Protein backbone atom coordinates (compact mmCIF):
# COMPACT_ATOMS: atom_id res chain seq x y z
CA UNK A 1 -5.97 -11.37 2.03
CA UNK A 2 -4.06 -8.18 1.88
CA UNK A 3 -2.35 -6.68 4.96
CA UNK A 4 -2.28 -2.83 4.26
CA UNK A 5 0.06 -0.79 6.29
CA UNK A 6 -1.46 2.86 6.52
CA UNK A 7 0.63 5.70 7.47
CA UNK A 8 -0.97 9.02 8.04
CA UNK A 9 1.26 12.12 7.84
CA UNK A 10 0.77 15.74 7.82
CA UNK A 11 4.21 17.42 7.24
CA UNK A 12 6.65 15.14 5.45
CA UNK A 13 10.20 15.41 6.47
CA UNK A 14 13.14 13.78 4.86
CA UNK A 15 12.89 10.82 7.10
CA UNK A 16 9.26 10.12 6.27
CA UNK A 17 10.23 10.11 2.49
CA UNK A 18 13.06 7.56 3.15
CA UNK A 19 10.70 5.46 5.23
CA UNK A 20 8.19 5.39 2.49
CA UNK A 21 10.69 4.49 -0.15
CA UNK A 22 12.16 1.64 2.15
CA UNK A 23 8.65 0.27 2.71
CA UNK A 24 7.92 0.28 -1.10
CA UNK A 25 11.17 -1.04 -2.28
CA UNK A 26 12.57 -3.25 0.49
CA UNK A 27 10.17 -4.24 3.20
CA UNK A 28 7.03 -5.00 1.20
CA UNK A 29 8.67 -6.80 -1.56
CA UNK A 30 10.84 -8.74 0.96
CA UNK A 31 7.87 -10.05 3.17
CA UNK A 32 5.84 -10.72 0.14
CA UNK A 33 8.74 -12.88 -1.41
CA UNK A 34 8.74 -15.01 1.76
CA UNK A 35 5.04 -16.20 0.95
CA UNK A 36 4.68 -16.97 4.75
CA UNK A 37 3.01 -14.03 6.18
CA UNK A 38 0.19 -13.34 3.53
CA UNK A 39 0.27 -10.37 1.09
CA UNK A 40 1.37 -6.96 2.35
CA UNK A 41 1.29 -3.46 0.82
CA UNK A 42 1.89 0.14 2.15
CA UNK A 43 -0.11 3.23 1.76
CA UNK A 44 0.72 6.81 2.82
CA UNK A 45 -1.98 9.45 3.22
CA UNK A 46 -1.07 13.17 3.80
CA UNK A 47 -4.29 15.18 3.19
CA UNK A 48 -6.96 14.90 5.98
CA UNK A 49 -9.47 16.40 3.53
CA UNK A 50 -9.09 13.83 0.84
CA UNK A 51 -8.02 10.86 3.04
CA UNK A 52 -11.25 8.99 2.91
CA UNK A 53 -11.44 9.06 -0.87
CA UNK A 54 -7.70 8.28 -1.33
CA UNK A 55 -8.12 5.41 0.88
CA UNK A 56 -11.09 3.95 -0.96
CA UNK A 57 -9.18 4.40 -4.31
CA UNK A 58 -6.21 2.63 -2.96
CA UNK A 59 -8.13 -0.41 -1.71
CA UNK A 60 -10.01 -0.65 -5.00
CA UNK A 61 -6.69 -0.40 -6.93
CA UNK A 62 -5.06 -3.15 -4.84
CA UNK A 63 -8.17 -5.30 -5.20
CA UNK A 64 -8.04 -4.98 -8.99
CA UNK A 65 -4.35 -5.83 -9.22
CA UNK A 66 -5.08 -8.90 -6.95
CA UNK A 67 -7.95 -10.03 -9.40
CA UNK A 68 -5.78 -9.51 -12.49
CA UNK A 69 -2.87 -11.48 -10.94
CA UNK A 70 -5.43 -14.36 -10.29
CA UNK A 71 -6.33 -14.40 -13.96
CA UNK A 72 -9.46 -12.34 -13.82
CA UNK A 73 -10.10 -8.95 -15.33
CA UNK A 74 -10.44 -5.43 -13.63
CA UNK A 75 -13.80 -4.98 -11.80
């Protein structure tokens, strides 16, 4: 199972950029390294008009990465 943290942003100030970088480089790798709380990832969506498609692509990409890590091939 994958826990996906979704952040929806309109205007991105500098603090949002720092938060995204922290999630991707520190929090997500740290919690995943514990191997106690399941698998986690982070996604940020900024365009309301493409959000649905972007979300579908993100989920498909994460699913394919999971399959490859388990020894399968991309679906």
